[in-house]
C-alpha atoms as a PDB file:
ATOM      1  CA  MET A   1     -16.829 -52.578  25.799  1.00  0.00           C
ATOM      2  CA  LEU A   2     -14.148 -51.971  28.239  1.00  0.00           C
ATOM      3  CA  VAL A   3     -11.425 -51.721  25.644  1.00  0.00           C
ATOM      4  CA  LEU A   4     -13.627 -49.278  23.505  1.00  0.00           C
ATOM      5  CA  LEU A   5     -14.316 -47.182  26.649  1.00  0.00           C
ATOM      6  CA  VAL A   6     -10.573 -46.903  27.293  1.00  0.00           C
ATOM      7  CA  VAL A   7      -9.936 -45.845  23.765  1.00  0.00           C
ATOM      8  CA  LEU A   8     -12.603 -43.284  23.884  1.00  0.00           C
ATOM      9  CA  VAL A   9     -11.260 -41.854  27.110  1.00  0.00           C
ATOM     10  CA  ARG A  10      -7.821 -41.762  25.784  1.00  0.00           C
ATOM     11  CA  GLY A  11      -8.969 -39.988  22.683  1.00  0.00           C
ATOM     12  CA  CYS A  12     -10.859 -37.372  24.736  1.00  0.00           C
ATOM     13  CA  VAL A  13      -7.833 -36.728  26.859  1.00  0.00           C
ATOM     14  CA  GLY A  14      -5.663 -36.491  23.775  1.00  0.00           C
ATOM     15  CA  ASN A  15      -8.065 -34.041  22.197  1.00  0.00           C
ATOM     16  CA  ARG A  16      -8.299 -31.892  25.281  1.00  0.00           C
ATOM     17  CA  LYS A  17      -4.458 -31.711  25.454  1.00  0.00           C
ATOM     18  CA  GLU A  18      -4.232 -30.690  21.740  1.00  0.00           C
ATOM     19  CA  GLN A  19      -6.849 -28.047  22.114  1.00  0.00           C
ATOM     20  CA  ALA A  20      -5.212 -26.551  25.103  1.00  0.00           C
ATOM     21  CA  LEU A  21      -1.983 -26.207  23.228  1.00  0.00           C
ATOM     22  CA  LYS A  22      -3.918 -24.563  20.409  1.00  0.00           C
ATOM     23  CA  ASP A  23      -5.653 -22.352  22.929  1.00  0.00           C
ATOM     24  CA  TYR A  24      -2.490 -21.264  24.522  1.00  0.00           C
ATOM     25  CA  ASN A  25      -0.732 -20.510  21.160  1.00  0.00           C
ATOM     26  CA  ARG A  26      -3.683 -18.421  20.008  1.00  0.00           C
ATOM     27  CA  ASP A  27      -3.940 -16.462  23.449  1.00  0.00           C
ATOM     28  CA  VAL A  28      -0.124 -15.744  23.308  1.00  0.00           C
ATOM     29  CA  SER A  29      -0.508 -14.368  19.659  1.00  0.00           C
ATOM     30  CA  THR A  30      -3.391 -12.145  20.927  1.00  0.00           C
ATOM     31  CA  LEU A  31      -1.636 -11.028  23.945  1.00  0.00           C
ATOM     32  CA  MET A  32       1.584 -10.061  21.764  1.00  0.00           C
ATOM     33  CA  GLN A  33      -0.350  -8.238  19.180  1.00  0.00           C
ATOM     34  CA  ALA A  34      -2.158  -6.247  21.939  1.00  0.00           C
ATOM     35  CA  SER A  35       1.221  -5.449  23.465  1.00  0.00           C
ATOM     36  CA  ARG A  36       2.283  -3.894  20.100  1.00  0.00           C
ATOM     37  CA  SER A  37      -1.114  -1.980  19.222  1.00  0.00           C
ATOM     38  CA  ARG A  38      -2.058  -0.811  22.773  1.00  0.00           C
ATOM     39  CA  VAL A  39       1.331  -0.103  24.430  1.00  0.00           C
ATOM     40  CA  SER A  40       4.208   0.219  21.843  1.00  0.00           C
ATOM     41  CA  GLY A  41       2.336   2.212  19.143  1.00  0.00           C
ATOM     42  CA  PRO A  42       0.957   4.822  21.593  1.00  0.00           C
ATOM     43  CA  LEU A  43       4.188   4.839  23.735  1.00  0.00           C
ATOM     44  CA  PHE A  44       6.420   5.745  20.766  1.00  0.00           C
ATOM     45  CA  ALA A  45       3.926   8.060  19.293  1.00  0.00           C
ATOM     46  CA  ALA A  46       4.010   9.876  22.720  1.00  0.00           C
ATOM     47  CA  LEU A  47       7.708   9.978  22.661  1.00  0.00           C
ATOM     48  CA  GLU A  48       7.899  11.347  19.121  1.00  0.00           C
ATOM     49  CA  GLY A  49       5.414  14.019  19.988  1.00  0.00           C
ATOM     50  CA  ALA A  50       6.810  14.944  23.304  1.00  0.00           C
ATOM     51  CA  ALA A  51       8.751  17.940  22.066  1.00  0.00           C
ATOM     52  CA  SER A  52       5.630  19.726  21.178  1.00  0.00           C
ATOM     53  CA  GLN A  53       3.537  19.030  24.175  1.00  0.00           C
ATOM     54  CA  ARG A  54       3.740  20.074  27.972  1.00  0.00           C
ATOM     55  CA  GLY A  55       5.636  17.563  30.267  1.00  0.00           C
ATOM     56  CA  GLU A  56       2.406  16.845  32.230  1.00  0.00           C
ATOM     57  CA  GLN A  57       0.524  15.826  29.110  1.00  0.00           C
ATOM     58  CA  VAL A  58       3.223  13.322  27.996  1.00  0.00           C
ATOM     59  CA  THR A  59       3.759  12.083  31.647  1.00  0.00           C
ATOM     60  CA  GLU A  60      -0.046  11.333  31.847  1.00  0.00           C
ATOM     61  CA  ALA A  61      -0.257   9.642  28.432  1.00  0.00           C
ATOM     62  CA  ILE A  62       2.627   7.289  29.412  1.00  0.00           C
ATOM     63  CA  ALA A  63       1.480   6.772  32.896  1.00  0.00           C
ATOM     64  CA  GLN A  64      -1.782   5.348  31.440  1.00  0.00           C
ATOM     65  CA  LEU A  65       0.140   3.045  28.964  1.00  0.00           C
ATOM     66  CA  ARG A  66       2.069   1.648  32.107  1.00  0.00           C
ATOM     67  CA  VAL A  67      -1.343   0.482  33.550  1.00  0.00           C
ATOM     68  CA  VAL A  68      -2.030  -1.244  30.299  1.00  0.00           C
ATOM     69  CA  ALA A  69       1.544  -2.888  30.388  1.00  0.00           C
ATOM     70  CA  GLU A  70       0.979  -3.969  33.916  1.00  0.00           C
ATOM     71  CA  ARG A  71      -2.435  -5.578  32.915  1.00  0.00           C
ATOM     72  CA  GLU A  72      -0.770  -7.546  30.051  1.00  0.00           C
ATOM     73  CA  TYR A  73       1.884  -8.773  32.314  1.00  0.00           C
ATOM     74  CA  ASP A  74      -0.802  -9.917  34.763  1.00  0.00           C
ATOM     75  CA  GLN A  75      -2.756 -11.652  31.843  1.00  0.00           C
ATOM     76  CA  ALA A  76       0.410 -13.599  30.807  1.00  0.00           C
ATOM     77  CA  LYS A  77       0.946 -14.681  34.202  1.00  0.00           C
ATOM     78  CA  ALA A  78      -2.638 -15.936  34.428  1.00  0.00           C
ATOM     79  CA  LEU A  79      -2.681 -17.938  31.258  1.00  0.00           C
ATOM     80  CA  ASP A  80      -3.401 -21.733  31.615  1.00  0.00           C
ATOM     81  CA  ALA A  81      -0.197 -22.904  30.176  1.00  0.00           C
ATOM     82  CA  PRO A  82       0.105 -26.690  29.552  1.00  0.00           C
ATOM     83  CA  ASP A  83       3.252 -28.501  30.812  1.00  0.00           C
ATOM     84  CA  GLN A  84       4.623 -28.730  27.260  1.00  0.00           C
ATOM     85  CA  VAL A  85       4.999 -24.999  27.012  1.00  0.00           C
ATOM     86  CA  ALA A  86       6.354 -24.320  30.547  1.00  0.00           C
ATOM     87  CA  ASP A  87       9.515 -22.897  29.081  1.00  0.00           C
ATOM     88  CA  ALA A  88       7.837 -20.646  26.693  1.00  0.00           C
ATOM     89  CA  GLN A  89       5.445 -19.420  29.482  1.00  0.00           C
ATOM     90  CA  HIS A  90       8.468 -18.537  31.714  1.00  0.00           C
ATOM     91  CA  ASN A  91      10.080 -16.465  28.953  1.00  0.00           C
ATOM     92  CA  LEU A  92       6.642 -14.766  27.921  1.00  0.00           C
ATOM     93  CA  GLU A  93       6.489 -13.613  31.510  1.00  0.00           C
ATOM     94  CA  LEU A  94      10.025 -12.328  31.296  1.00  0.00           C
ATOM     95  CA  LEU A  95       9.678 -10.358  28.135  1.00  0.00           C
ATOM     96  CA  LEU A  96       6.357  -8.685  29.295  1.00  0.00           C
ATOM     97  CA  SER A  97       7.973  -7.938  32.625  1.00  0.00           C
ATOM     98  CA  LEU A  98      10.949  -6.219  30.615  1.00  0.00           C
ATOM     99  CA  ARG A  99       8.401  -4.114  28.747  1.00  0.00           C
ATOM    100  CA  GLU A 100       6.358  -3.199  31.786  1.00  0.00           C
ATOM    101  CA  ASP A 101       9.432  -2.112  33.724  1.00  0.00           C
ATOM    102  CA  GLY A 102      10.641  -0.173  30.629  1.00  0.00           C
ATOM    103  CA  VAL A 103       7.170   1.807  30.488  1.00  0.00           C
ATOM    104  CA  ARG A 104       7.355   2.418  34.179  1.00  0.00           C
ATOM    105  CA  VAL A 105      10.835   3.896  34.090  1.00  0.00           C
ATOM    106  CA  ILE A 106       9.997   5.960  31.142  1.00  0.00           C
ATOM    107  CA  ALA A 107       6.664   7.337  32.930  1.00  0.00           C
ATOM    108  CA  ASP A 108       8.714   8.063  35.944  1.00  0.00           C
ATOM    109  CA  ARG A 109      11.486  10.072  34.110  1.00  0.00           C
ATOM    110  CA  ILE A 110       9.873  11.555  31.057  1.00  0.00           C
ATOM    111  CA  GLN A 111       8.910  14.875  32.418  1.00  0.00           C
ATOM    112  CA  GLN A 112      12.368  15.635  33.774  1.00  0.00           C
ATOM    113  CA  ALA A 113      13.888  14.331  30.604  1.00  0.00           C
ATOM    114  CA  ILE A 114      11.970  16.864  28.441  1.00  0.00           C
ATOM    115  CA  GLY A 115      12.599  19.649  30.885  1.00  0.00           C
ATOM    116  CA  THR A 116      15.571  22.162  31.318  1.00  0.00           C
ATOM    117  CA  SER A 117      16.949  21.316  34.754  1.00  0.00           C
ATOM    118  CA  ALA A 118      20.333  20.179  35.183  1.00  0.00           C
ATOM    119  CA  ALA A 119      19.217  16.643  35.732  1.00  0.00           C
ATOM    120  CA  ALA A 120      17.610  16.213  32.336  1.00  0.00           C
ATOM    121  CA  GLY A 121      20.584  14.580  30.713  1.00  0.00           C
ATOM    122  CA  THR A 122      20.565  11.854  33.304  1.00  0.00           C
ATOM    123  CA  ALA A 123      16.852  11.424  32.814  1.00  0.00           C
ATOM    124  CA  LEU A 124      17.320  11.281  29.054  1.00  0.00           C
ATOM    125  CA  ASP A 125      19.867   8.461  29.606  1.00  0.00           C
ATOM    126  CA  SER A 126      17.393   6.528  31.615  1.00  0.00           C
ATOM    127  CA  VAL A 127      14.769   6.860  29.006  1.00  0.00           C
ATOM    128  CA  ALA A 128      17.182   5.828  26.323  1.00  0.00           C
ATOM    129  CA  ALA A 129      18.235   2.760  28.458  1.00  0.00           C
ATOM    130  CA  GLN A 130      14.780   1.340  28.289  1.00  0.00           C
ATOM    131  CA  MET A 131      15.048   0.924  24.477  1.00  0.00           C
ATOM    132  CA  GLN A 132      17.636  -1.922  25.246  1.00  0.00           C
ATOM    133  CA  ALA A 133      15.139  -3.607  27.481  1.00  0.00           C
ATOM    134  CA  PHE A 134      12.363  -3.380  24.693  1.00  0.00           C
ATOM    135  CA  ASN A 135      14.737  -4.891  22.217  1.00  0.00           C
ATOM    136  CA  ALA A 136      15.601  -7.648  24.688  1.00  0.00           C
ATOM    137  CA  SER A 137      11.982  -8.581  25.001  1.00  0.00           C
ATOM    138  CA  ASP A 138      11.718  -8.874  21.206  1.00  0.00           C
ATOM    139  CA  VAL A 139      14.717 -11.170  21.190  1.00  0.00           C
ATOM    140  CA  VAL A 140      13.345 -13.267  24.077  1.00  0.00           C
ATOM    141  CA  TYR A 141       9.999 -13.710  22.145  1.00  0.00           C
ATOM    142  CA  SER A 142      11.542 -14.653  18.714  1.00  0.00           C
ATOM    143  CA  GLN A 143      14.089 -16.977  20.274  1.00  0.00           C
ATOM    144  CA  ARG A 144      12.470 -18.328  23.458  1.00  0.00           C
ATOM    145  CA  VAL A 145       8.779 -18.268  23.096  1.00  0.00           C
ATOM    146  CA  ALA A 146       7.653 -18.625  19.482  1.00  0.00           C
ATOM    147  CA  PRO A 147      10.007 -21.698  18.702  1.00  0.00           C
ATOM    148  CA  PHE A 148       9.106 -23.405  21.897  1.00  0.00           C
ATOM    149  CA  ILE A 149       5.434 -23.118  21.215  1.00  0.00           C
ATOM    150  CA  LYS A 150       5.901 -24.325  17.633  1.00  0.00           C
ATOM    151  CA  ARG A 151       7.906 -27.356  18.806  1.00  0.00           C
ATOM    152  CA  ALA A 152       5.375 -28.130  21.458  1.00  0.00           C
ATOM    153  CA  LEU A 153       2.535 -28.122  18.883  1.00  0.00           C
ATOM    154  CA  GLU A 154       4.658 -30.361  16.386  1.00  0.00           C
ATOM    155  CA  ASP A 155       5.481 -32.766  19.228  1.00  0.00           C
ATOM    156  CA  ALA A 156       1.939 -33.177  19.907  1.00  0.00           C
ATOM    157  CA  GLY A 157       1.327 -34.090  16.308  1.00  0.00           C
ATOM    158  CA  ILE A 158      -0.273 -30.648  15.478  1.00  0.00           C
ATOM    159  CA  PRO A 159       1.026 -29.096  12.133  1.00  0.00           C
ATOM    160  CA  ALA A 160       2.376 -25.657  12.973  1.00  0.00           C
ATOM    161  CA  THR A 161       4.024 -22.924  10.769  1.00  0.00           C
ATOM    162  CA  TYR A 162       5.110 -19.382  11.128  1.00  0.00           C
ATOM    163  CA  SER A 163       3.545 -18.434   7.903  1.00  0.00           C
ATOM    164  CA  GLY A 164       0.091 -19.704   8.611  1.00  0.00           C
ATOM    165  CA  GLU A 165      -0.039 -21.622   5.236  1.00  0.00           C
ATOM    166  CA  THR A 166      -0.827 -24.824   6.922  1.00  0.00           C
ATOM    167  CA  GLY A 167      -1.889 -25.983  10.480  1.00  0.00           C
ATOM    168  CA  GLU A 168      -1.692 -23.639  13.443  1.00  0.00           C
ATOM    169  CA  GLN A 169      -0.061 -20.331  12.909  1.00  0.00           C
ATOM    170  CA  VAL A 170       2.582 -19.403  15.435  1.00  0.00           C
ATOM    171  CA  LEU A 171       3.368 -15.662  15.655  1.00  0.00           C
ATOM    172  CA  ALA A 172       7.015 -15.380  14.795  1.00  0.00           C
ATOM    173  CA  TYR A 173       7.947 -12.056  15.881  1.00  0.00           C
ATOM    174  CA  SER A 174       6.640  -9.613  18.338  1.00  0.00           C
ATOM    175  CA  ASP A 175       8.310  -6.228  17.723  1.00  0.00           C
ATOM    176  CA  PHE A 176       7.821  -3.786  20.557  1.00  0.00           C
ATOM    177  CA  LEU A 177      10.731  -1.518  19.642  1.00  0.00           C
ATOM    178  CA  PRO A 178       9.692   0.000  16.130  1.00  0.00           C
ATOM    179  CA  ASN A 179      13.349   0.040  15.097  1.00  0.00           C
ATOM    180  CA  ILE A 180      16.873  -0.450  16.363  1.00  0.00           C
ATOM    181  CA  GLY A 181      17.458   3.336  15.790  1.00  0.00           C
ATOM    182  CA  TRP A 182      15.723   3.963  19.093  1.00  0.00           C
ATOM    183  CA  MET A 183      18.751   2.256  20.817  1.00  0.00           C
ATOM    184  CA  ASP A 184      20.928   5.301  19.985  1.00  0.00           C
ATOM    185  CA  PRO A 185      20.555   7.788  22.892  1.00  0.00           C
ATOM    186  CA  ALA A 186      21.322  10.833  20.452  1.00  0.00           C
ATOM    187  CA  ASN A 187      18.058   9.629  18.461  1.00  0.00           C
ATOM    188  CA  VAL A 188      15.967   9.350  21.758  1.00  0.00           C
ATOM    189  CA  ALA A 189      17.141  12.857  22.641  1.00  0.00           C
ATOM    190  CA  ARG A 190      16.374  14.351  19.346  1.00  0.00           C
ATOM    191  CA  ALA A 191      12.706  12.788  19.356  1.00  0.00           C
ATOM    192  CA  LEU A 192      12.208  14.351  22.834  1.00  0.00           C
ATOM    193  CA  GLY A 193      13.374  17.791  21.559  1.00  0.00           C
ATOM    194  CA  ALA A 194      17.067  17.661  22.624  1.00  0.00           C
ATOM    195  CA  THR A 195      20.217  17.621  20.575  1.00  0.00           C
ATOM    196  CA  SER A 196      22.038  15.155  22.834  1.00  0.00           C
ATOM    197  CA  THR A 197      21.703  13.346  26.221  1.00  0.00           C
ATOM    198  CA  SER A 198      23.461  16.119  27.964  1.00  0.00           C
ATOM    199  CA  ALA A 199      21.312  18.956  29.212  1.00  0.00           C
ATOM    200  CA  ALA A 200      24.257  21.353  28.869  1.00  0.00           C
ATOM    201  CA  ASP A 201      24.548  20.639  25.140  1.00  0.00           C
ATOM    202  CA  ARG A 202      20.862  21.467  24.335  1.00  0.00           C
ATOM    203  CA  SER A 203      21.028  24.411  21.916  1.00  0.00           C
ATOM    204  CA  THR A 204      18.685  25.728  19.228  1.00  0.00           C
ATOM    205  CA  PRO A 205      19.602  24.917  15.761  1.00  0.00           C
ATOM    206  CA  ALA A 206      21.777  27.428  13.821  1.00  0.00           C
ATOM    207  CA  PRO A 207      19.645  29.896  11.786  1.00  0.00           C
ATOM    208  CA  GLY A 208      19.199  28.996   8.156  1.00  0.00           C
ATOM    209  CA  LEU A 209      17.888  25.926   6.087  1.00  0.00           C
ATOM    210  CA  HIS A 210      18.222  22.460   7.524  1.00  0.00           C
ATOM    211  CA  GLY A 211      17.217  19.206   6.080  1.00  0.00           C
ATOM    212  CA  HIS A 212      17.571  16.518   3.486  1.00  0.00           C
ATOM    213  CA  GLN A 213      15.838  15.219   0.386  1.00  0.00           C
ATOM    214  CA  LEU A 214      15.400  11.703  -0.609  1.00  0.00           C
ATOM    215  CA  ASP A 215      17.001  11.122  -4.041  1.00  0.00           C
ATOM    216  CA  SER A 216      16.609   7.356  -4.816  1.00  0.00           C
ATOM    217  CA  VAL A 217      16.264   3.863  -3.331  1.00  0.00           C
ATOM    218  CA  SER A 218      17.709   0.619  -4.767  1.00  0.00           C
ATOM    219  CA  VAL A 219      17.768  -2.964  -3.763  1.00  0.00           C
ATOM    220  CA  GLY A 220      20.556  -5.333  -5.358  1.00  0.00           C
ATOM    221  CA  GLY A 221      21.089  -2.965  -8.122  1.00  0.00           C
ATOM    222  CA  THR A 222      17.279  -2.394  -9.012  1.00  0.00           C
ATOM    223  CA  THR A 223      16.233   1.121  -8.547  1.00  0.00           C
ATOM    224  CA  LEU A 224      12.698   1.547  -7.242  1.00  0.00           C
ATOM    225  CA  ASP A 225      10.116   3.609  -9.046  1.00  0.00           C
ATOM    226  CA  PRO A 226       7.251   4.926  -6.942  1.00  0.00           C
ATOM    227  CA  SER A 227       4.970   4.555 -10.117  1.00  0.00           C
ATOM    228  CA  SER A 228       5.866   0.939 -11.028  1.00  0.00           C
ATOM    229  CA  PRO A 229       5.814  -2.194  -8.540  1.00  0.00           C
ATOM    230  CA  ALA A 230       9.142  -3.985  -8.378  1.00  0.00           C
ATOM    231  CA  THR A 231       9.703  -7.672  -8.141  1.00  0.00           C
ATOM    232  CA  LEU A 232      12.491  -8.469  -5.429  1.00  0.00           C
ATOM    233  CA  PRO A 233      14.068 -11.392  -3.702  1.00  0.00           C
ATOM    234  CA  ALA A 234      12.916 -12.020  -0.172  1.00  0.00           C
ATOM    235  CA  ASP A 235      15.808 -14.210   0.625  1.00  0.00           C
ATOM    236  CA  PRO A 236      18.418 -13.347   1.710  1.00  0.00           C
ATOM    237  CA  PRO A 237      16.618 -10.481   3.664  1.00  0.00           C
ATOM    238  CA  PRO A 238      16.931  -7.196   1.576  1.00  0.00           C
ATOM    239  CA  THR A 239      19.292  -4.344   2.000  1.00  0.00           C
ATOM    240  CA  PHE A 240      17.960  -0.901   0.782  1.00  0.00           C
ATOM    241  CA  ASP A 241      20.629   1.539  -0.472  1.00  0.00           C
ATOM    242  CA  VAL A 242      19.116   5.061   0.133  1.00  0.00           C
ATOM    243  CA  ALA A 243      20.604   8.037  -1.520  1.00  0.00           C
ATOM    244  CA  PHE A 244      19.738  11.467  -0.417  1.00  0.00           C
ATOM    245  CA  THR A 245      21.119  15.056  -0.188  1.00  0.00           C
ATOM    246  CA  ASN A 246      21.721  17.602   2.490  1.00  0.00           C
ATOM    247  CA  GLY A 247      19.780  20.345   0.915  1.00  0.00           C
ATOM    248  CA  GLY A 248      20.434  22.830   3.824  1.00  0.00           C
ATOM    249  CA  GLU A 249      23.141  25.346   4.772  1.00  0.00           C
ATOM    250  CA  HIS A 250      24.517  23.355   7.614  1.00  0.00           C
ATOM    251  CA  ASP A 251      26.152  19.987   8.344  1.00  0.00           C
ATOM    252  CA  GLU A 252      23.915  17.695  10.232  1.00  0.00           C
ATOM    253  CA  GLN A 253      24.652  14.979  12.744  1.00  0.00           C
ATOM    254  CA  ASN A 254      23.044  11.550  13.473  1.00  0.00           C
ATOM    255  CA  VAL A 255      20.672  11.373  10.481  1.00  0.00           C
ATOM    256  CA  ARG A 256      18.248   8.377  10.747  1.00  0.00           C
ATOM    257  CA  VAL A 257      17.124   6.640   7.688  1.00  0.00           C
ATOM    258  CA  VAL A 258      14.161   4.173   8.053  1.00  0.00           C
ATOM    259  CA  VAL A 259      12.669   1.544   5.781  1.00  0.00           C
ATOM    260  CA  GLU A 260       9.144   0.075   6.689  1.00  0.00           C
ATOM    261  CA  ILE A 261       7.515  -2.796   4.925  1.00  0.00           C
ATOM    262  CA  SER A 262       3.803  -3.359   5.308  1.00  0.00           C
ATOM    263  CA  GLY A 263       1.102  -5.502   3.604  1.00  0.00           C
ATOM    264  CA  GLY A 264       2.114  -8.525   1.636  1.00  0.00           C
ATOM    265  CA  GLY A 265       0.010 -10.716   3.772  1.00  0.00           C
ATOM    266  CA  ALA A 266       1.686  -9.736   6.989  1.00  0.00           C
ATOM    267  CA  SER A 267      -0.355  -8.459   9.906  1.00  0.00           C
ATOM    268  CA  THR A 268       2.084  -6.032  11.143  1.00  0.00           C
ATOM    269  CA  PRO A 269       4.861  -4.014   9.534  1.00  0.00           C
ATOM    270  CA  ILE A 270       8.527  -4.816   9.805  1.00  0.00           C
ATOM    271  CA  THR A 271      11.121  -1.930  10.041  1.00  0.00           C
ATOM    272  CA  ALA A 272      14.836  -1.475   9.857  1.00  0.00           C
ATOM    273  CA  SER A 273      16.924   1.614  10.215  1.00  0.00           C
ATOM    274  CA  THR A 274      20.466   3.020  10.244  1.00  0.00           C
ATOM    275  CA  VAL A 275      22.092   6.079  11.418  1.00  0.00           C
ATOM    276  CA  VAL A 276      24.412   8.380   9.226  1.00  0.00           C
ATOM    277  CA  PRO A 277      26.982   9.879  11.524  1.00  0.00           C
ATOM    278  CA  SER A 278      27.170  13.103   9.553  1.00  0.00           C
ATOM    279  CA  THR A 279      26.097  14.885   6.152  1.00  0.00           C
ATOM    280  CA  ALA A 280      27.660  17.801   4.640  1.00  0.00           C
ATOM    281  CA  ALA A 281      25.727  20.902   3.518  1.00  0.00           C
ATOM    282  CA  GLY A 282      24.899  20.508  -0.146  1.00  0.00           C
ATOM    283  CA  GLU A 283      26.449  17.219  -0.355  1.00  0.00           C
ATOM    284  CA  SER A 284      24.979  13.682  -1.287  1.00  0.00           C
ATOM    285  CA  ALA A 285      25.063  10.874   1.168  1.00  0.00           C
ATOM    286  CA  THR A 286      24.035   7.088   1.200  1.00  0.00           C
ATOM    287  CA  ALA A 287      22.699   4.776   3.792  1.00  0.00           C
ATOM    288  CA  SER A 288      22.355   1.063   3.603  1.00  0.00           C
ATOM    289  CA  VAL A 289      19.447  -0.212   5.641  1.00  0.00           C
ATOM    290  CA  ALA A 290      19.432  -3.862   6.103  1.00  0.00           C
ATOM    291  CA  PHE A 291      16.719  -6.165   7.374  1.00  0.00           C
ATOM    292  CA  ASN A 292      17.545  -9.093   9.441  1.00  0.00           C
ATOM    293  CA  ARG A 293      14.475 -11.345   8.343  1.00  0.00           C
ATOM    294  CA  PRO A 294      12.795 -12.009   5.091  1.00  0.00           C
ATOM    295  CA  PRO A 295       9.841  -9.551   4.203  1.00  0.00           C
ATOM    296  CA  PRO A 296       6.395 -10.910   3.713  1.00  0.00           C
ATOM    297  CA  THR A 297       5.799 -12.843   0.425  1.00  0.00           C
ATOM    298  CA  GLY A 298       2.001 -13.105   0.456  1.00  0.00           C
ATOM    299  CA  GLY A 299       1.162 -10.364  -1.900  1.00  0.00           C
ATOM    300  CA  THR A 300       2.280  -6.855  -2.970  1.00  0.00           C
ATOM    301  CA  ALA A 301       3.963  -5.059  -0.151  1.00  0.00           C
ATOM    302  CA  GLU A 302       4.245  -1.228   0.406  1.00  0.00           C
ATOM    303  CA  ILE A 303       7.740   0.076   1.215  1.00  0.00           C
ATOM    304  CA  ARG A 304       8.055   3.438   2.836  1.00  0.00           C
ATOM    305  CA  VAL A 305      11.547   4.981   3.075  1.00  0.00           C
ATOM    306  CA  THR A 306      11.933   8.087   5.253  1.00  0.00           C
ATOM    307  CA  ILE A 307      14.866  10.386   5.976  1.00  0.00           C
ATOM    308  CA  GLU A 308      13.920  11.485   9.627  1.00  0.00           C
ATOM    309  CA  PRO A 309      13.899  15.233  10.254  1.00  0.00           C
ATOM    310  CA  VAL A 310      16.804  16.876  11.833  1.00  0.00           C
ATOM    311  CA  PRO A 311      16.501  19.766  14.344  1.00  0.00           C
ATOM    312  CA  GLY A 312      15.420  22.974  12.507  1.00  0.00           C
ATOM    313  CA  GLU A 313      13.970  21.175   9.503  1.00  0.00           C
ATOM    314  CA  GLU A 314      10.657  22.562   8.297  1.00  0.00           C
ATOM    315  CA  GLY A 315       9.926  21.290   4.844  1.00  0.00           C
ATOM    316  CA  LEU A 316       9.328  17.438   5.143  1.00  0.00           C
ATOM    317  CA  ASP A 317       7.620  16.929   1.756  1.00  0.00           C
ATOM    318  CA  ASN A 318      10.707  15.420   0.128  1.00  0.00           C
ATOM    319  CA  ASN A 319      11.842  13.322   3.180  1.00  0.00           C
ATOM    320  CA  THR A 320       9.563  10.248   2.447  1.00  0.00           C
ATOM    321  CA  GLN A 321       8.809   8.060  -0.440  1.00  0.00           C
ATOM    322  CA  THR A 322       6.586   5.018  -0.850  1.00  0.00           C
ATOM    323  CA  TYR A 323       7.207   2.191  -3.235  1.00  0.00           C
ATOM    324  CA  SER A 324       5.405  -1.125  -3.913  1.00  0.00           C
ATOM    325  CA  ALA A 325       7.195  -4.417  -4.442  1.00  0.00           C
ATOM    326  CA  LEU A 326       6.451  -8.156  -4.577  1.00  0.00           C
ATOM    327  CA  PHE A 327       9.017 -10.146  -2.687  1.00  0.00           C
ATOM    328  CA  GLU A 328       9.437 -13.851  -3.807  1.00  0.00           C
END
């Protein structure tokens, strides 16, 4: 009876430890998804719409997001982290502090950044600098949180995968920064309604037509057709070759091309982008947009390719095209 009692006690303790690890993994996944949907999404939507709103409106919207980011940081610190995931917990708090600090700085400087004072250029630089912090937070999660949680689960005898096909699913990525193009200060300035991070260089677009049209998209020699799904390799991660034309009357600078892949069994989209330094009026241009990780392979995915508008561009109906593909 004594031996049986010891075995039962040990079994209960082991089950509690396993359940604690599972609960922690799920709590982290929920928190990271909330960080993206409740802070990142609204934040970048506010930044992209800042040029058409009053500074007070933008400031208020981002100030509210700052409160949400602070709350999520506090929630992370309050998690009941088992000893096996102490390193993951430390890095989780680090990445959420980077996000909270970044949102706070943007909230403090955004009104000045979209203003016309002599200090606007410096404020824009401060906003743009936070994109580096957001990117760092994404790297910390993918390299120092997710792998540590997965290893702790496996060491405890709990099957764990990033795909969720078997055992516990560990969220592999937590992309707060929508795409790396935001790390270019010129792109941040353009999103906020400025042509550069220098207030002295802010000028209205030259009169006449501005803009680009998307011509074609190909992957590894396969040209995508909007009306017909394609079958594409997922590994190595794909590079999209985007052909487009400057259909305006002026040369354009810092043209950003974005590719977003959604669906395919993934809970959140993945994005990649590149910036073409310049395009000539009436001339064709190409951009190679490379992903640094494989796309989802759980079903048909939607691919959205966009040539982002340049200052003065009005007709946007030919800037974007959507395709479908099965990655395998």
